[in-house]
Amino acid sequence: AQAAQAAQAAQAAQAAQAAQAAQAAQAAQAAQAAQAAQAAQATQATQATQAMQATQATQATQATQATQATQAKATQATQATQATQTAVVRSYKQEVMVASAALAADEQPASASASPAVDAAATQPENHWVVNLSSHLVREKAEEAVKGLQQLGVTSSIKVVLVNGQEWYRVYVAGFDHDGARAYLNQHKSEAAFEGAWIGRDL
Protein backbone atom coordinates (compact mmCIF):
# COMPACT_ATOMS: atom_id res chain seq x y z
CA ALA A 1 0.00 0.00 0.00
CA GLN A 2 2.82 2.39 0.85
CA ALA A 3 4.52 1.58 -2.42
CA ALA A 4 1.33 2.31 -4.33
CA GLN A 5 0.95 5.62 -2.54
CA ALA A 6 4.55 6.52 -3.31
CA ALA A 7 4.01 5.68 -6.96
CA GLN A 8 0.89 7.83 -7.08
CA ALA A 9 2.73 10.69 -5.41
CA ALA A 10 5.54 10.42 -7.95
CA GLN A 11 3.07 10.41 -10.79
CA ALA A 12 1.30 13.46 -9.36
CA ALA A 13 4.63 15.26 -9.01
CA GLN A 14 5.52 14.42 -12.60
CA ALA A 15 2.09 15.60 -13.78
CA ALA A 16 2.55 18.87 -11.88
CA GLN A 17 6.00 19.34 -13.38
CA ALA A 18 4.63 18.61 -16.85
CA ALA A 19 1.80 21.12 -16.30
CA GLN A 20 4.29 23.74 -15.12
CA ALA A 21 6.50 23.08 -18.15
CA ALA A 22 3.50 23.40 -20.47
CA GLN A 23 2.48 26.67 -18.83
CA ALA A 24 6.03 27.95 -19.11
CA ALA A 25 6.12 27.00 -22.80
CA GLN A 26 2.76 28.69 -23.41
CA ALA A 27 3.98 31.80 -21.59
CA ALA A 28 7.17 31.83 -23.71
CA GLN A 29 5.12 31.42 -26.90
CA ALA A 30 2.78 34.23 -25.84
CA ALA A 31 5.75 36.49 -25.10
CA GLN A 32 7.29 35.70 -28.49
CA ALA A 33 3.95 36.38 -30.20
CA ALA A 34 3.65 39.70 -28.37
CA GLN A 35 7.20 40.66 -29.35
CA ALA A 36 6.49 39.68 -32.96
CA ALA A 37 3.29 41.74 -32.96
CA GLN A 38 5.14 44.74 -31.51
CA ALA A 39 7.89 44.35 -34.12
CA ALA A 40 5.29 44.15 -36.89
CA GLN A 41 3.56 47.25 -35.55
CA ALA A 42 6.89 49.07 -35.35
CA THR A 43 7.70 48.03 -38.92
CA GLN A 44 4.30 49.18 -40.14
CA ALA A 45 4.71 52.50 -38.33
CA THR A 46 8.16 52.95 -39.89
CA GLN A 47 6.84 52.08 -43.33
CA ALA A 48 3.91 54.48 -42.88
CA THR A 49 6.31 57.25 -41.81
CA GLN A 50 8.58 56.54 -44.77
CA ALA A 51 5.61 56.53 -47.15
CA MET A 52 4.38 59.84 -45.72
CA GLN A 53 7.84 61.36 -46.01
CA ALA A 54 8.14 60.07 -49.58
CA THR A 55 4.71 61.53 -50.43
CA GLN A 56 5.63 64.87 -48.87
CA ALA A 57 8.96 64.88 -50.73
CA THR A 58 7.18 64.07 -54.00
CA GLN A 59 4.63 66.82 -53.40
CA ALA A 60 7.39 69.28 -52.56
CA THR A 61 9.28 68.28 -55.71
CA GLN A 62 6.15 68.65 -57.82
CA ALA A 63 5.41 72.05 -56.26
CA THR A 64 8.98 73.16 -56.96
CA GLN A 65 8.76 71.91 -60.54
CA ALA A 66 5.40 73.68 -60.99
CA THR A 67 6.90 76.91 -59.64
CA GLN A 68 9.91 76.56 -61.91
CA ALA A 69 7.62 75.86 -64.89
CA THR A 70 5.56 78.96 -64.06
CA GLN A 71 8.71 81.04 -63.75
CA ALA A 72 10.00 79.62 -67.04
CA LYS A 73 6.72 80.55 -68.75
CA ALA A 74 6.89 84.04 -67.26
CA THR A 75 10.48 84.37 -68.46
CA GLN A 76 9.49 83.18 -71.95
CA ALA A 77 6.59 85.64 -72.02
CA THR A 78 8.91 88.47 -70.97
CA GLN A 79 11.46 87.46 -73.59
CA ALA A 80 8.74 87.25 -76.24
CA THR A 81 7.50 90.73 -75.30
CA GLN A 82 11.03 92.10 -75.40
CA ALA A 83 11.63 90.40 -78.75
CA THR A 84 8.42 91.92 -80.12
CA GLN A 85 9.39 95.38 -78.90
CA THR A 86 12.89 94.96 -80.33
CA ALA A 87 11.43 93.86 -83.67
CA VAL A 88 9.12 96.88 -83.68
CA VAL A 89 12.02 99.22 -82.94
CA ARG A 90 14.09 97.64 -85.72
CA SER A 91 11.16 98.00 -88.07
CA TYR A 92 10.95 101.69 -87.14
CA LYS A 93 14.62 102.19 -87.92
CA GLN A 94 14.34 100.47 -91.29
CA GLU A 95 11.11 102.19 -92.27
CA VAL A 96 12.31 105.61 -91.17
CA MET A 97 15.33 105.27 -93.44
CA VAL A 98 13.02 104.52 -96.35
CA ALA A 99 10.48 107.14 -95.35
CA SER A 100 13.04 109.92 -95.08
CA ALA A 101 12.81 110.31 -98.87
CA ALA A 102 9.04 110.67 -98.64
CA LEU A 103 8.80 113.73 -96.41
CA ALA A 104 6.26 116.23 -97.64
CA ALA A 105 7.68 119.55 -98.81
CA ASP A 106 6.15 121.40 -95.86
CA GLU A 107 7.68 119.03 -93.23
CA GLN A 108 11.12 119.18 -91.68
CA PRO A 109 13.04 116.53 -89.70
CA ALA A 110 12.97 117.20 -85.96
CA SER A 111 16.76 117.65 -85.91
CA ALA A 112 16.72 120.35 -88.59
CA SER A 113 16.76 124.03 -87.75
CA ALA A 114 13.43 125.80 -88.06
CA SER A 115 13.15 127.42 -91.45
CA PRO A 116 11.21 130.62 -92.16
CA ALA A 117 8.52 128.53 -93.88
CA VAL A 118 8.09 126.37 -90.77
CA ASP A 119 8.10 129.37 -88.47
CA ALA A 120 5.41 130.96 -90.57
CA ALA A 121 3.44 127.72 -90.47
CA ALA A 122 3.62 127.80 -86.69
CA THR A 123 0.93 130.45 -86.82
CA GLN A 124 -1.55 127.86 -88.08
CA PRO A 125 -4.50 127.03 -85.73
CA GLU A 126 -3.68 125.07 -82.58
CA ASN A 127 -3.79 121.28 -82.49
CA HIS A 128 -3.05 121.05 -86.21
CA TRP A 129 0.44 119.66 -85.70
CA VAL A 130 1.53 116.03 -85.47
CA VAL A 131 4.63 114.05 -84.61
CA ASN A 132 5.34 111.66 -87.49
CA LEU A 133 7.03 108.44 -86.37
CA SER A 134 7.37 106.29 -89.48
CA SER A 135 6.05 105.72 -93.01
CA HIS A 136 5.29 102.36 -94.61
CA LEU A 137 4.48 101.20 -98.11
CA VAL A 138 2.33 98.36 -96.73
CA ARG A 139 -0.63 99.11 -94.45
CA GLU A 140 -0.11 95.94 -92.40
CA LYS A 141 3.36 97.18 -91.45
CA ALA A 142 1.87 100.47 -90.26
CA GLU A 143 -0.74 98.61 -88.22
CA GLU A 144 1.99 96.50 -86.63
CA ALA A 145 3.85 99.70 -85.75
CA VAL A 146 0.70 101.16 -84.11
CA LYS A 147 0.27 97.98 -82.02
CA GLY A 148 3.92 98.07 -81.00
CA LEU A 149 3.64 101.70 -79.96
CA GLN A 150 0.52 100.89 -77.95
CA GLN A 151 2.56 98.35 -75.97
CA LEU A 152 4.99 101.17 -75.22
CA GLY A 153 2.14 103.38 -74.00
CA VAL A 154 1.99 105.59 -77.11
CA THR A 155 -1.37 106.15 -78.82
CA SER A 156 -0.84 106.68 -82.55
CA SER A 157 -2.86 106.73 -85.77
CA ILE A 158 -2.40 105.99 -89.47
CA LYS A 159 -3.01 108.32 -92.39
CA VAL A 160 -2.44 107.86 -96.11
CA VAL A 161 -0.21 110.41 -97.81
CA LEU A 162 0.58 110.67 -101.51
CA VAL A 163 4.19 111.44 -102.39
CA ASN A 164 5.22 111.56 -106.06
CA GLY A 165 2.22 109.41 -106.96
CA GLN A 166 3.10 106.77 -104.32
CA GLU A 167 0.82 106.04 -101.37
CA TRP A 168 2.50 105.88 -97.95
CA TYR A 169 0.91 104.77 -94.67
CA ARG A 170 2.21 107.19 -92.10
CA VAL A 171 2.15 106.50 -88.34
CA TYR A 172 1.80 109.65 -86.28
CA VAL A 173 0.71 111.15 -82.95
CA ALA A 174 -1.75 114.04 -83.33
CA GLY A 175 -3.34 116.79 -81.28
CA PHE A 176 -0.51 119.30 -80.83
CA ASP A 177 0.14 122.92 -81.57
CA HIS A 178 3.53 123.71 -83.06
CA ASP A 179 5.34 124.20 -79.76
CA GLY A 180 3.58 121.23 -78.19
CA ALA A 181 4.65 118.93 -81.02
CA ARG A 182 8.28 119.99 -80.65
CA ALA A 183 8.12 119.63 -76.86
CA TYR A 184 6.61 116.13 -77.17
CA LEU A 185 9.26 115.05 -79.65
CA ASN A 186 12.06 116.49 -77.53
CA GLN A 187 10.67 114.64 -74.51
CA HIS A 188 10.78 111.29 -76.32
CA LYS A 189 13.64 111.78 -78.78
CA SER A 190 15.97 109.55 -76.73
CA GLU A 191 13.59 106.59 -77.16
CA ALA A 192 14.31 104.14 -79.97
CA ALA A 193 10.74 104.28 -81.29
CA PHE A 194 11.12 108.03 -81.91
CA GLU A 195 14.43 107.78 -83.77
CA GLY A 196 14.08 109.72 -87.01
CA ALA A 197 10.68 111.19 -86.03
CA TRP A 198 9.73 114.65 -87.27
CA ILE A 199 6.93 117.13 -86.78
CA GLY A 200 4.56 118.32 -89.46
CA ARG A 201 1.19 119.92 -90.04
CA ASP A 202 -1.93 117.77 -89.93
CA LEU A 203 -3.22 118.64 -93.37
C-alpha atoms as a PDB file:
ATOM      1  CA  ALA A   1       0.000   0.000   0.000  1.00  0.00           C
ATOM      2  CA  GLN A   2       2.818   2.391   0.853  1.00  0.00           C
ATOM      3  CA  ALA A   3       4.524   1.576  -2.424  1.00  0.00           C
ATOM      4  CA  ALA A   4       1.327   2.309  -4.328  1.00  0.00           C
ATOM      5  CA  GLN A   5       0.952   5.617  -2.544  1.00  0.00           C
ATOM      6  CA  ALA A   6       4.549   6.517  -3.312  1.00  0.00           C
ATOM      7  CA  ALA A   7       4.014   5.684  -6.963  1.00  0.00           C
ATOM      8  CA  GLN A   8       0.886   7.827  -7.079  1.00  0.00           C
ATOM      9  CA  ALA A   9       2.733  10.694  -5.411  1.00  0.00           C
ATOM     10  CA  ALA A  10       5.539  10.417  -7.952  1.00  0.00           C
ATOM     11  CA  GLN A  11       3.069  10.415 -10.792  1.00  0.00           C
ATOM     12  CA  ALA A  12       1.299  13.465  -9.361  1.00  0.00           C
ATOM     13  CA  ALA A  13       4.629  15.263  -9.006  1.00  0.00           C
ATOM     14  CA  GLN A  14       5.524  14.416 -12.599  1.00  0.00           C
ATOM     15  CA  ALA A  15       2.093  15.600 -13.779  1.00  0.00           C
ATOM     16  CA  ALA A  16       2.546  18.870 -11.879  1.00  0.00           C
ATOM     17  CA  GLN A  17       5.997  19.343 -13.377  1.00  0.00           C
ATOM     18  CA  ALA A  18       4.628  18.610 -16.853  1.00  0.00           C
ATOM     19  CA  ALA A  19       1.796  21.119 -16.303  1.00  0.00           C
ATOM     20  CA  GLN A  20       4.292  23.741 -15.118  1.00  0.00           C
ATOM     21  CA  ALA A  21       6.502  23.078 -18.155  1.00  0.00           C
ATOM     22  CA  ALA A  22       3.498  23.397 -20.470  1.00  0.00           C
ATOM     23  CA  GLN A  23       2.481  26.666 -18.828  1.00  0.00           C
ATOM     24  CA  ALA A  24       6.034  27.953 -19.115  1.00  0.00           C
ATOM     25  CA  ALA A  25       6.115  27.000 -22.803  1.00  0.00           C
ATOM     26  CA  GLN A  26       2.761  28.692 -23.407  1.00  0.00           C
ATOM     27  CA  ALA A  27       3.976  31.796 -21.591  1.00  0.00           C
ATOM     28  CA  ALA A  28       7.166  31.835 -23.711  1.00  0.00           C
ATOM     29  CA  GLN A  29       5.119  31.424 -26.903  1.00  0.00           C
ATOM     30  CA  ALA A  30       2.777  34.226 -25.839  1.00  0.00           C
ATOM     31  CA  ALA A  31       5.747  36.491 -25.102  1.00  0.00           C
ATOM     32  CA  GLN A  32       7.288  35.696 -28.487  1.00  0.00           C
ATOM     33  CA  ALA A  33       3.952  36.376 -30.202  1.00  0.00           C
ATOM     34  CA  ALA A  34       3.648  39.697 -28.373  1.00  0.00           C
ATOM     35  CA  GLN A  35       7.203  40.660 -29.351  1.00  0.00           C
ATOM     36  CA  ALA A  36       6.486  39.676 -32.964  1.00  0.00           C
ATOM     37  CA  ALA A  37       3.287  41.745 -32.961  1.00  0.00           C
ATOM     38  CA  GLN A  38       5.145  44.743 -31.507  1.00  0.00           C
ATOM     39  CA  ALA A  39       7.888  44.349 -34.116  1.00  0.00           C
ATOM     40  CA  ALA A  40       5.293  44.151 -36.890  1.00  0.00           C
ATOM     41  CA  GLN A  41       3.560  47.253 -35.547  1.00  0.00           C
ATOM     42  CA  ALA A  42       6.894  49.072 -35.346  1.00  0.00           C
ATOM     43  CA  THR A  43       7.696  48.034 -38.925  1.00  0.00           C
ATOM     44  CA  GLN A  44       4.297  49.183 -40.143  1.00  0.00           C
ATOM     45  CA  ALA A  45       4.706  52.497 -38.328  1.00  0.00           C
ATOM     46  CA  THR A  46       8.161  52.947 -39.894  1.00  0.00           C
ATOM     47  CA  GLN A  47       6.839  52.081 -43.328  1.00  0.00           C
ATOM     48  CA  ALA A  48       3.907  54.483 -42.875  1.00  0.00           C
ATOM     49  CA  THR A  49       6.306  57.246 -41.814  1.00  0.00           C
ATOM     50  CA  GLN A  50       8.583  56.545 -44.766  1.00  0.00           C
ATOM     51  CA  ALA A  51       5.610  56.529 -47.153  1.00  0.00           C
ATOM     52  CA  MET A  52       4.375  59.844 -45.716  1.00  0.00           C
ATOM     53  CA  GLN A  53       7.841  61.359 -46.015  1.00  0.00           C
ATOM     54  CA  ALA A  54       8.142  60.075 -49.580  1.00  0.00           C
ATOM     55  CA  THR A  55       4.712  61.534 -50.429  1.00  0.00           C
ATOM     56  CA  GLN A  56       5.632  64.875 -48.872  1.00  0.00           C
ATOM     57  CA  ALA A  57       8.959  64.878 -50.726  1.00  0.00           C
ATOM     58  CA  THR A  58       7.176  64.067 -53.998  1.00  0.00           C
ATOM     59  CA  GLN A  59       4.630  66.823 -53.402  1.00  0.00           C
ATOM     60  CA  ALA A  60       7.393  69.278 -52.557  1.00  0.00           C
ATOM     61  CA  THR A  61       9.278  68.282 -55.708  1.00  0.00           C
ATOM     62  CA  GLN A  62       6.147  68.653 -57.818  1.00  0.00           C
ATOM     63  CA  ALA A  63       5.414  72.049 -56.256  1.00  0.00           C
ATOM     64  CA  THR A  64       8.981  73.156 -56.958  1.00  0.00           C
ATOM     65  CA  GLN A  65       8.757  71.912 -60.538  1.00  0.00           C
ATOM     66  CA  ALA A  66       5.404  73.677 -60.993  1.00  0.00           C
ATOM     67  CA  THR A  67       6.899  76.906 -59.636  1.00  0.00           C
ATOM     68  CA  GLN A  68       9.908  76.556 -61.911  1.00  0.00           C
ATOM     69  CA  ALA A  69       7.624  75.858 -64.885  1.00  0.00           C
ATOM     70  CA  THR A  70       5.563  78.962 -64.060  1.00  0.00           C
ATOM     71  CA  GLN A  71       8.714  81.044 -63.746  1.00  0.00           C
ATOM     72  CA  ALA A  72       9.996  79.620 -67.036  1.00  0.00           C
ATOM     73  CA  LYS A  73       6.722  80.549 -68.755  1.00  0.00           C
ATOM     74  CA  ALA A  74       6.890  84.038 -67.263  1.00  0.00           C
ATOM     75  CA  THR A  75      10.483  84.371 -68.463  1.00  0.00           C
ATOM     76  CA  GLN A  76       9.495  83.176 -71.947  1.00  0.00           C
ATOM     77  CA  ALA A  77       6.592  85.636 -72.021  1.00  0.00           C
ATOM     78  CA  THR A  78       8.907  88.467 -70.966  1.00  0.00           C
ATOM     79  CA  GLN A  79      11.461  87.458 -73.588  1.00  0.00           C
ATOM     80  CA  ALA A  80       8.736  87.250 -76.236  1.00  0.00           C
ATOM     81  CA  THR A  81       7.498  90.729 -75.304  1.00  0.00           C
ATOM     82  CA  GLN A  82      11.032  92.103 -75.399  1.00  0.00           C
ATOM     83  CA  ALA A  83      11.629  90.397 -78.745  1.00  0.00           C
ATOM     84  CA  THR A  84       8.420  91.925 -80.115  1.00  0.00           C
ATOM     85  CA  GLN A  85       9.390  95.380 -78.900  1.00  0.00           C
ATOM     86  CA  THR A  86      12.891  94.956 -80.329  1.00  0.00           C
ATOM     87  CA  ALA A  87      11.427  93.865 -83.672  1.00  0.00           C
ATOM     88  CA  VAL A  88       9.124  96.882 -83.677  1.00  0.00           C
ATOM     89  CA  VAL A  89      12.020  99.223 -82.944  1.00  0.00           C
ATOM     90  CA  ARG A  90      14.089  97.643 -85.716  1.00  0.00           C
ATOM     91  CA  SER A  91      11.156  98.005 -88.069  1.00  0.00           C
ATOM     92  CA  TYR A  92      10.946 101.688 -87.145  1.00  0.00           C
ATOM     93  CA  LYS A  93      14.616 102.193 -87.923  1.00  0.00           C
ATOM     94  CA  GLN A  94      14.336 100.473 -91.294  1.00  0.00           C
ATOM     95  CA  GLU A  95      11.109 102.190 -92.268  1.00  0.00           C
ATOM     96  CA  VAL A  96      12.307 105.613 -91.168  1.00  0.00           C
ATOM     97  CA  MET A  97      15.334 105.272 -93.436  1.00  0.00           C
ATOM     98  CA  VAL A  98      13.016 104.518 -96.352  1.00  0.00           C
ATOM     99  CA  ALA A  99      10.481 107.144 -95.346  1.00  0.00           C
ATOM    100  CA  SER A 100      13.039 109.920 -95.084  1.00  0.00           C
ATOM    101  CA  ALA A 101      12.813 110.312 -98.875  1.00  0.00           C
ATOM    102  CA  ALA A 102       9.038 110.673 -98.642  1.00  0.00           C
ATOM    103  CA  LEU A 103       8.796 113.733 -96.406  1.00  0.00           C
ATOM    104  CA  ALA A 104       6.257 116.234 -97.642  1.00  0.00           C
ATOM    105  CA  ALA A 105       7.683 119.553 -98.805  1.00  0.00           C
ATOM    106  CA  ASP A 106       6.147 121.398 -95.859  1.00  0.00           C
ATOM    107  CA  GLU A 107       7.682 119.027 -93.231  1.00  0.00           C
ATOM    108  CA  GLN A 108      11.115 119.178 -91.682  1.00  0.00           C
ATOM    109  CA  PRO A 109      13.040 116.532 -89.698  1.00  0.00           C
ATOM    110  CA  ALA A 110      12.973 117.203 -85.957  1.00  0.00           C
ATOM    111  CA  SER A 111      16.761 117.652 -85.909  1.00  0.00           C
ATOM    112  CA  ALA A 112      16.720 120.350 -88.593  1.00  0.00           C
ATOM    113  CA  SER A 113      16.762 124.028 -87.749  1.00  0.00           C
ATOM    114  CA  ALA A 114      13.433 125.801 -88.058  1.00  0.00           C
ATOM    115  CA  SER A 115      13.154 127.417 -91.450  1.00  0.00           C
ATOM    116  CA  PRO A 116      11.211 130.621 -92.155  1.00  0.00           C
ATOM    117  CA  ALA A 117       8.519 128.532 -93.879  1.00  0.00           C
ATOM    118  CA  VAL A 118       8.085 126.370 -90.769  1.00  0.00           C
ATOM    119  CA  ASP A 119       8.104 129.370 -88.470  1.00  0.00           C
ATOM    120  CA  ALA A 120       5.412 130.958 -90.571  1.00  0.00           C
ATOM    121  CA  ALA A 121       3.442 127.720 -90.468  1.00  0.00           C
ATOM    122  CA  ALA A 122       3.619 127.801 -86.688  1.00  0.00           C
ATOM    123  CA  THR A 123       0.928 130.449 -86.816  1.00  0.00           C
ATOM    124  CA  GLN A 124      -1.554 127.862 -88.077  1.00  0.00           C
ATOM    125  CA  PRO A 125      -4.501 127.028 -85.729  1.00  0.00           C
ATOM    126  CA  GLU A 126      -3.675 125.073 -82.581  1.00  0.00           C
ATOM    127  CA  ASN A 127      -3.789 121.279 -82.485  1.00  0.00           C
ATOM    128  CA  HIS A 128      -3.048 121.050 -86.208  1.00  0.00           C
ATOM    129  CA  TRP A 129       0.440 119.656 -85.697  1.00  0.00           C
ATOM    130  CA  VAL A 130       1.531 116.031 -85.473  1.00  0.00           C
ATOM    131  CA  VAL A 131       4.631 114.047 -84.613  1.00  0.00           C
ATOM    132  CA  ASN A 132       5.338 111.656 -87.487  1.00  0.00           C
ATOM    133  CA  LEU A 133       7.028 108.442 -86.373  1.00  0.00           C
ATOM    134  CA  SER A 134       7.371 106.288 -89.485  1.00  0.00           C
ATOM    135  CA  SER A 135       6.046 105.715 -93.011  1.00  0.00           C
ATOM    136  CA  HIS A 136       5.294 102.360 -94.613  1.00  0.00           C
ATOM    137  CA  LEU A 137       4.479 101.196 -98.113  1.00  0.00           C
ATOM    138  CA  VAL A 138       2.325  98.357 -96.729  1.00  0.00           C
ATOM    139  CA  ARG A 139      -0.625  99.107 -94.447  1.00  0.00           C
ATOM    140  CA  GLU A 140      -0.108  95.935 -92.400  1.00  0.00           C
ATOM    141  CA  LYS A 141       3.358  97.180 -91.446  1.00  0.00           C
ATOM    142  CA  ALA A 142       1.866 100.471 -90.261  1.00  0.00           C
ATOM    143  CA  GLU A 143      -0.742  98.612 -88.222  1.00  0.00           C
ATOM    144  CA  GLU A 144       1.992  96.504 -86.628  1.00  0.00           C
ATOM    145  CA  ALA A 145       3.846  99.703 -85.753  1.00  0.00           C
ATOM    146  CA  VAL A 146       0.701 101.158 -84.112  1.00  0.00           C
ATOM    147  CA  LYS A 147       0.273  97.984 -82.022  1.00  0.00           C
ATOM    148  CA  GLY A 148       3.918  98.068 -80.998  1.00  0.00           C
ATOM    149  CA  LEU A 149       3.635 101.703 -79.956  1.00  0.00           C
ATOM    150  CA  GLN A 150       0.523 100.891 -77.954  1.00  0.00           C
ATOM    151  CA  GLN A 151       2.562  98.348 -75.968  1.00  0.00           C
ATOM    152  CA  LEU A 152       4.988 101.166 -75.218  1.00  0.00           C
ATOM    153  CA  GLY A 153       2.136 103.383 -74.002  1.00  0.00           C
ATOM    154  CA  VAL A 154       1.987 105.592 -77.110  1.00  0.00           C
ATOM    155  CA  THR A 155      -1.371 106.152 -78.823  1.00  0.00           C
ATOM    156  CA  SER A 156      -0.843 106.681 -82.545  1.00  0.00           C
ATOM    157  CA  SER A 157      -2.863 106.731 -85.770  1.00  0.00           C
ATOM    158  CA  ILE A 158      -2.399 105.992 -89.472  1.00  0.00           C
ATOM    159  CA  LYS A 159      -3.009 108.322 -92.389  1.00  0.00           C
ATOM    160  CA  VAL A 160      -2.439 107.862 -96.108  1.00  0.00           C
ATOM    161  CA  VAL A 161      -0.215 110.410 -97.811  1.00  0.00           C
ATOM    162  CA  LEU A 162       0.579 110.670-101.510  1.00  0.00           C
ATOM    163  CA  VAL A 163       4.194 111.437-102.394  1.00  0.00           C
ATOM    164  CA  ASN A 164       5.218 111.558-106.059  1.00  0.00           C
ATOM    165  CA  GLY A 165       2.218 109.412-106.956  1.00  0.00           C
ATOM    166  CA  GLN A 166       3.100 106.771-104.319  1.00  0.00           C
ATOM    167  CA  GLU A 167       0.823 106.035-101.369  1.00  0.00           C
ATOM    168  CA  TRP A 168       2.497 105.880 -97.953  1.00  0.00           C
ATOM    169  CA  TYR A 169       0.913 104.774 -94.675  1.00  0.00           C
ATOM    170  CA  ARG A 170       2.212 107.191 -92.100  1.00  0.00           C
ATOM    171  CA  VAL A 171       2.152 106.496 -88.337  1.00  0.00           C
ATOM    172  CA  TYR A 172       1.797 109.652 -86.276  1.00  0.00           C
ATOM    173  CA  VAL A 173       0.709 111.154 -82.951  1.00  0.00           C
ATOM    174  CA  ALA A 174      -1.753 114.039 -83.333  1.00  0.00           C
ATOM    175  CA  GLY A 175      -3.343 116.787 -81.281  1.00  0.00           C
ATOM    176  CA  PHE A 176      -0.508 119.305 -80.832  1.00  0.00           C
ATOM    177  CA  ASP A 177       0.136 122.919 -81.569  1.00  0.00           C
ATOM    178  CA  HIS A 178       3.534 123.710 -83.064  1.00  0.00           C
ATOM    179  CA  ASP A 179       5.338 124.199 -79.760  1.00  0.00           C
ATOM    180  CA  GLY A 180       3.584 121.227 -78.188  1.00  0.00           C
ATOM    181  CA  ALA A 181       4.654 118.933 -81.016  1.00  0.00           C
ATOM    182  CA  ARG A 182       8.282 119.994 -80.650  1.00  0.00           C
ATOM    183  CA  ALA A 183       8.121 119.632 -76.863  1.00  0.00           C
ATOM    184  CA  TYR A 184       6.614 116.129 -77.166  1.00  0.00           C
ATOM    185  CA  LEU A 185       9.264 115.052 -79.647  1.00  0.00           C
ATOM    186  CA  ASN A 186      12.064 116.489 -77.527  1.00  0.00           C
ATOM    187  CA  GLN A 187      10.668 114.644 -74.515  1.00  0.00           C
ATOM    188  CA  HIS A 188      10.779 111.295 -76.319  1.00  0.00           C
ATOM    189  CA  LYS A 189      13.643 111.782 -78.779  1.00  0.00           C
ATOM    190  CA  SER A 190      15.971 109.555 -76.730  1.00  0.00           C
ATOM    191  CA  GLU A 191      13.592 106.589 -77.164  1.00  0.00           C
ATOM    192  CA  ALA A 192      14.309 104.139 -79.970  1.00  0.00           C
ATOM    193  CA  ALA A 193      10.742 104.276 -81.294  1.00  0.00           C
ATOM    194  CA  PHE A 194      11.118 108.028 -81.909  1.00  0.00           C
ATOM    195  CA  GLU A 195      14.426 107.785 -83.769  1.00  0.00           C
ATOM    196  CA  GLY A 196      14.082 109.716 -87.014  1.00  0.00           C
ATOM    197  CA  ALA A 197      10.682 111.186 -86.033  1.00  0.00           C
ATOM    198  CA  TRP A 198       9.731 114.650 -87.270  1.00  0.00           C
ATOM    199  CA  ILE A 199       6.929 117.135 -86.781  1.00  0.00           C
ATOM    200  CA  GLY A 200       4.560 118.318 -89.460  1.00  0.00           C
ATOM    201  CA  ARG A 201       1.192 119.916 -90.045  1.00  0.00           C
ATOM    202  CA  ASP A 202      -1.930 117.771 -89.928  1.00  0.00           C
ATOM    203  CA  LEU A 203      -3.220 118.636 -93.375  1.00  0.00           C
END
